[in-house]
Amino acid sequence: MQKRLLVPSRLRRIPAQFSWIDQRLVRDHHIEQADCTALALYLFLLTVADAQGLSYYADASIGRMLSLGPEQVAAARAGLLRAGLVAYEAPLYQVLALDAPPPPRPMAQDGAVRPRARGSEALRSLREVLRESLGVRS
């Protein structure tokens, strides 16, 4: 199918203020982790957040703008927290990056954090772990 602008005079442009919706919200299935009310709150937070993803609207203001009661705002926020889409410390929200967090660093037997293996070292470590767990000798 060939795409064409339906209303060329209304072509979207990047606005002067900072705001966007990351396509990975849908592509990586984050959108499936929250209900419609939580997603309405997420859209609101994306729209009002600064370049660091921070905003500090009070629950009462959010509820008024989204036509939600206090319990609905709290439930929507809880849904976004569970989905890992936002962080919250009253009254501050942070819209979180959709990038997957790095895997935790492996711990040595003495409790020290071991540096991450890179490239072939990571494969060799995985190979060794599999051999050990399966009882296979080199």
C-alpha atoms as a PDB file:
ATOM      1  CA  MET A   1       0.000   0.000   0.000  1.00  0.00           C
ATOM      2  CA  GLN A   2       1.338   3.418  -0.887  1.00  0.00           C
ATOM      3  CA  LYS A   3       1.031   5.987   1.851  1.00  0.00           C
ATOM      4  CA  ARG A   4      -0.088   9.543   1.224  1.00  0.00           C
ATOM      5  CA  LEU A   5      -0.873  12.474   3.449  1.00  0.00           C
ATOM      6  CA  LEU A   6      -4.596  12.784   3.950  1.00  0.00           C
ATOM      7  CA  VAL A   7      -4.406  16.360   5.229  1.00  0.00           C
ATOM      8  CA  PRO A   8      -1.087  17.857   4.041  1.00  0.00           C
ATOM      9  CA  SER A   9      -1.766  21.170   5.792  1.00  0.00           C
ATOM     10  CA  ARG A  10      -1.782  19.288   9.133  1.00  0.00           C
ATOM     11  CA  LEU A  11       1.512  17.401   8.698  1.00  0.00           C
ATOM     12  CA  ARG A  12       2.975  16.689  12.136  1.00  0.00           C
ATOM     13  CA  ARG A  13       6.256  18.358  13.002  1.00  0.00           C
ATOM     14  CA  ILE A  14       8.466  18.017  16.040  1.00  0.00           C
ATOM     15  CA  PRO A  15       7.198  20.684  18.455  1.00  0.00           C
ATOM     16  CA  ALA A  16       9.425  23.272  20.105  1.00  0.00           C
ATOM     17  CA  GLN A  17       8.647  21.800  23.521  1.00  0.00           C
ATOM     18  CA  PHE A  18       9.824  18.288  24.359  1.00  0.00           C
ATOM     19  CA  SER A  19       7.318  15.452  24.067  1.00  0.00           C
ATOM     20  CA  TRP A  20       7.007  12.161  22.203  1.00  0.00           C
ATOM     21  CA  ILE A  21       5.606   8.657  22.364  1.00  0.00           C
ATOM     22  CA  ASP A  22       8.120   5.883  21.774  1.00  0.00           C
ATOM     23  CA  GLN A  23       6.974   3.286  19.205  1.00  0.00           C
ATOM     24  CA  ARG A  24       8.446   0.560  21.411  1.00  0.00           C
ATOM     25  CA  LEU A  25       5.445   1.116  23.683  1.00  0.00           C
ATOM     26  CA  VAL A  26       3.484  -0.937  21.142  1.00  0.00           C
ATOM     27  CA  ARG A  27       6.243  -2.872  19.374  1.00  0.00           C
ATOM     28  CA  ASP A  28       7.690  -4.306  22.604  1.00  0.00           C
ATOM     29  CA  HIS A  29       4.209  -4.928  24.096  1.00  0.00           C
ATOM     30  CA  HIS A  30       4.510  -2.470  27.010  1.00  0.00           C
ATOM     31  CA  ILE A  31       1.050  -1.163  26.120  1.00  0.00           C
ATOM     32  CA  GLU A  32      -0.411  -4.576  26.954  1.00  0.00           C
ATOM     33  CA  GLN A  33       0.778  -4.282  30.565  1.00  0.00           C
ATOM     34  CA  ALA A  34      -1.658  -1.514  31.570  1.00  0.00           C
ATOM     35  CA  ASP A  35      -5.375  -0.807  31.326  1.00  0.00           C
ATOM     36  CA  CYS A  36      -6.964   2.142  29.520  1.00  0.00           C
ATOM     37  CA  THR A  37      -7.019   4.389  32.587  1.00  0.00           C
ATOM     38  CA  ALA A  38      -3.328   3.775  33.260  1.00  0.00           C
ATOM     39  CA  LEU A  39      -2.540   4.456  29.598  1.00  0.00           C
ATOM     40  CA  ALA A  40      -4.491   7.732  29.754  1.00  0.00           C
ATOM     41  CA  LEU A  41      -2.324   8.739  32.716  1.00  0.00           C
ATOM     42  CA  TYR A  42       0.788   7.627  30.799  1.00  0.00           C
ATOM     43  CA  LEU A  43      -0.181   9.766  27.794  1.00  0.00           C
ATOM     44  CA  PHE A  44      -0.761  12.716  30.109  1.00  0.00           C
ATOM     45  CA  LEU A  45       2.631  12.233  31.794  1.00  0.00           C
ATOM     46  CA  LEU A  46       4.397  11.876  28.429  1.00  0.00           C
ATOM     47  CA  THR A  47       2.816  15.113  27.298  1.00  0.00           C
ATOM     48  CA  VAL A  48       3.678  17.192  30.354  1.00  0.00           C
ATOM     49  CA  ALA A  49       7.093  15.698  31.197  1.00  0.00           C
ATOM     50  CA  ASP A  50      10.323  17.567  30.601  1.00  0.00           C
ATOM     51  CA  ALA A  51      13.280  16.167  28.612  1.00  0.00           C
ATOM     52  CA  GLN A  52      14.222  13.954  31.580  1.00  0.00           C
ATOM     53  CA  GLY A  53      10.717  12.527  31.816  1.00  0.00           C
ATOM     54  CA  LEU A  54       9.927  14.435  35.007  1.00  0.00           C
ATOM     55  CA  SER A  55       6.664  16.099  35.985  1.00  0.00           C
ATOM     56  CA  TYR A  56       5.037  16.997  39.261  1.00  0.00           C
ATOM     57  CA  TYR A  57       1.307  17.368  38.729  1.00  0.00           C
ATOM     58  CA  ALA A  58      -0.773  16.736  41.845  1.00  0.00           C
ATOM     59  CA  ASP A  59      -3.261  13.877  41.825  1.00  0.00           C
ATOM     60  CA  ALA A  60      -6.150  16.339  42.098  1.00  0.00           C
ATOM     61  CA  SER A  61      -5.005  18.186  38.953  1.00  0.00           C
ATOM     62  CA  ILE A  62      -4.446  14.945  37.057  1.00  0.00           C
ATOM     63  CA  GLY A  63      -7.862  13.677  38.124  1.00  0.00           C
ATOM     64  CA  ARG A  64      -9.535  16.904  37.042  1.00  0.00           C
ATOM     65  CA  MET A  65      -7.855  16.893  33.614  1.00  0.00           C
ATOM     66  CA  LEU A  66      -8.513  13.191  32.962  1.00  0.00           C
ATOM     67  CA  SER A  67     -11.967  13.077  34.629  1.00  0.00           C
ATOM     68  CA  LEU A  68     -10.771  10.513  37.168  1.00  0.00           C
ATOM     69  CA  GLY A  69     -11.494  10.211  40.848  1.00  0.00           C
ATOM     70  CA  PRO A  70      -8.707   9.929  43.438  1.00  0.00           C
ATOM     71  CA  GLU A  71      -8.992   6.126  43.590  1.00  0.00           C
ATOM     72  CA  GLN A  72      -8.816   5.878  39.789  1.00  0.00           C
ATOM     73  CA  VAL A  73      -5.689   8.056  39.657  1.00  0.00           C
ATOM     74  CA  ALA A  74      -4.068   5.904  42.350  1.00  0.00           C
ATOM     75  CA  ALA A  75      -5.022   2.683  40.539  1.00  0.00           C
ATOM     76  CA  ALA A  76      -3.755   4.045  37.200  1.00  0.00           C
ATOM     77  CA  ARG A  77      -0.455   5.049  38.808  1.00  0.00           C
ATOM     78  CA  ALA A  78      -0.145   1.605  40.428  1.00  0.00           C
ATOM     79  CA  GLY A  79      -0.685   0.013  37.018  1.00  0.00           C
ATOM     80  CA  LEU A  80       2.073   2.113  35.464  1.00  0.00           C
ATOM     81  CA  LEU A  81       4.414   1.317  38.341  1.00  0.00           C
ATOM     82  CA  ARG A  82       3.732  -2.429  37.959  1.00  0.00           C
ATOM     83  CA  ALA A  83       4.348  -2.176  34.212  1.00  0.00           C
ATOM     84  CA  GLY A  84       7.653  -0.410  34.841  1.00  0.00           C
ATOM     85  CA  LEU A  85       6.612   2.608  32.776  1.00  0.00           C
ATOM     86  CA  VAL A  86       6.968   5.252  35.503  1.00  0.00           C
ATOM     87  CA  ALA A  87       8.621   5.878  38.834  1.00  0.00           C
ATOM     88  CA  TYR A  88       6.840   7.932  41.479  1.00  0.00           C
ATOM     89  CA  GLU A  89       7.722   9.724  44.692  1.00  0.00           C
ATOM     90  CA  ALA A  90       4.916  12.115  45.612  1.00  0.00           C
ATOM     91  CA  PRO A  91       4.481  14.482  43.904  1.00  0.00           C
ATOM     92  CA  LEU A  92       7.223  13.678  41.350  1.00  0.00           C
ATOM     93  CA  TYR A  93       6.688  11.337  38.411  1.00  0.00           C
ATOM     94  CA  GLN A  94       9.426  10.100  36.107  1.00  0.00           C
ATOM     95  CA  VAL A  95       8.452   8.526  32.798  1.00  0.00           C
ATOM     96  CA  LEU A  96      11.005   5.739  32.429  1.00  0.00           C
ATOM     97  CA  ALA A  97      12.949   4.770  29.322  1.00  0.00           C
ATOM     98  CA  LEU A  98      11.562   1.699  27.586  1.00  0.00           C
ATOM     99  CA  ASP A  99      15.032   0.218  27.184  1.00  0.00           C
ATOM    100  CA  ALA A 100      15.507  -3.030  29.003  1.00  0.00           C
ATOM    101  CA  PRO A 101      17.656  -2.584  32.099  1.00  0.00           C
ATOM    102  CA  PRO A 102      21.073  -4.212  31.961  1.00  0.00           C
ATOM    103  CA  PRO A 103      21.212  -7.705  33.454  1.00  0.00           C
ATOM    104  CA  PRO A 104      22.426  -7.860  37.042  1.00  0.00           C
ATOM    105  CA  ARG A 105      26.142  -8.386  37.511  1.00  0.00           C
ATOM    106  CA  PRO A 106      27.123 -11.879  38.640  1.00  0.00           C
ATOM    107  CA  MET A 107      28.266 -12.235  42.226  1.00  0.00           C
ATOM    108  CA  ALA A 108      31.431 -14.071  43.161  1.00  0.00           C
ATOM    109  CA  GLN A 109      31.359 -16.651  45.976  1.00  0.00           C
ATOM    110  CA  ASP A 110      32.754 -14.017  48.369  1.00  0.00           C
ATOM    111  CA  GLY A 111      29.893 -11.621  47.523  1.00  0.00           C
ATOM    112  CA  ALA A 112      32.015  -9.297  45.381  1.00  0.00           C
ATOM    113  CA  VAL A 113      30.494  -8.053  42.143  1.00  0.00           C
ATOM    114  CA  ARG A 114      32.301  -9.529  39.148  1.00  0.00           C
ATOM    115  CA  PRO A 115      32.817  -7.389  36.022  1.00  0.00           C
ATOM    116  CA  ARG A 116      30.560  -8.162  33.086  1.00  0.00           C
ATOM    117  CA  ALA A 117      31.996 -10.516  30.500  1.00  0.00           C
ATOM    118  CA  ARG A 118      32.096  -9.170  26.955  1.00  0.00           C
ATOM    119  CA  GLY A 119      31.946 -10.848  23.539  1.00  0.00           C
ATOM    120  CA  SER A 120      33.585 -14.283  23.443  1.00  0.00           C
ATOM    121  CA  GLU A 121      34.197 -14.087  27.215  1.00  0.00           C
ATOM    122  CA  ALA A 122      30.436 -14.037  27.749  1.00  0.00           C
ATOM    123  CA  LEU A 123      30.008 -17.077  25.473  1.00  0.00           C
ATOM    124  CA  ARG A 124      32.840 -18.919  27.143  1.00  0.00           C
ATOM    125  CA  SER A 125      31.337 -18.190  30.553  1.00  0.00           C
ATOM    126  CA  LEU A 126      27.946 -19.430  29.411  1.00  0.00           C
ATOM    127  CA  ARG A 127      29.550 -22.551  27.950  1.00  0.00           C
ATOM    128  CA  GLU A 128      31.338 -23.190  31.238  1.00  0.00           C
ATOM    129  CA  VAL A 129      28.177 -22.680  33.237  1.00  0.00           C
ATOM    130  CA  LEU A 130      26.244 -25.106  31.034  1.00  0.00           C
ATOM    131  CA  ARG A 131      29.000 -27.710  31.259  1.00  0.00           C
ATOM    132  CA  GLU A 132      29.109 -27.377  35.024  1.00  0.00           C
ATOM    133  CA  SER A 133      25.331 -27.575  35.420  1.00  0.00           C
ATOM    134  CA  LEU A 134      25.105 -30.622  33.118  1.00  0.00           C
ATOM    135  CA  GLY A 135      28.155 -32.286  34.684  1.00  0.00           C
ATOM    136  CA  VAL A 136      30.051 -32.379  31.381  1.00  0.00           C
ATOM    137  CA  ARG A 137      33.851 -32.474  31.596  1.00  0.00           C
ATOM    138  CA  SER A 138      36.055 -30.620  29.102  1.00  0.00           C
END
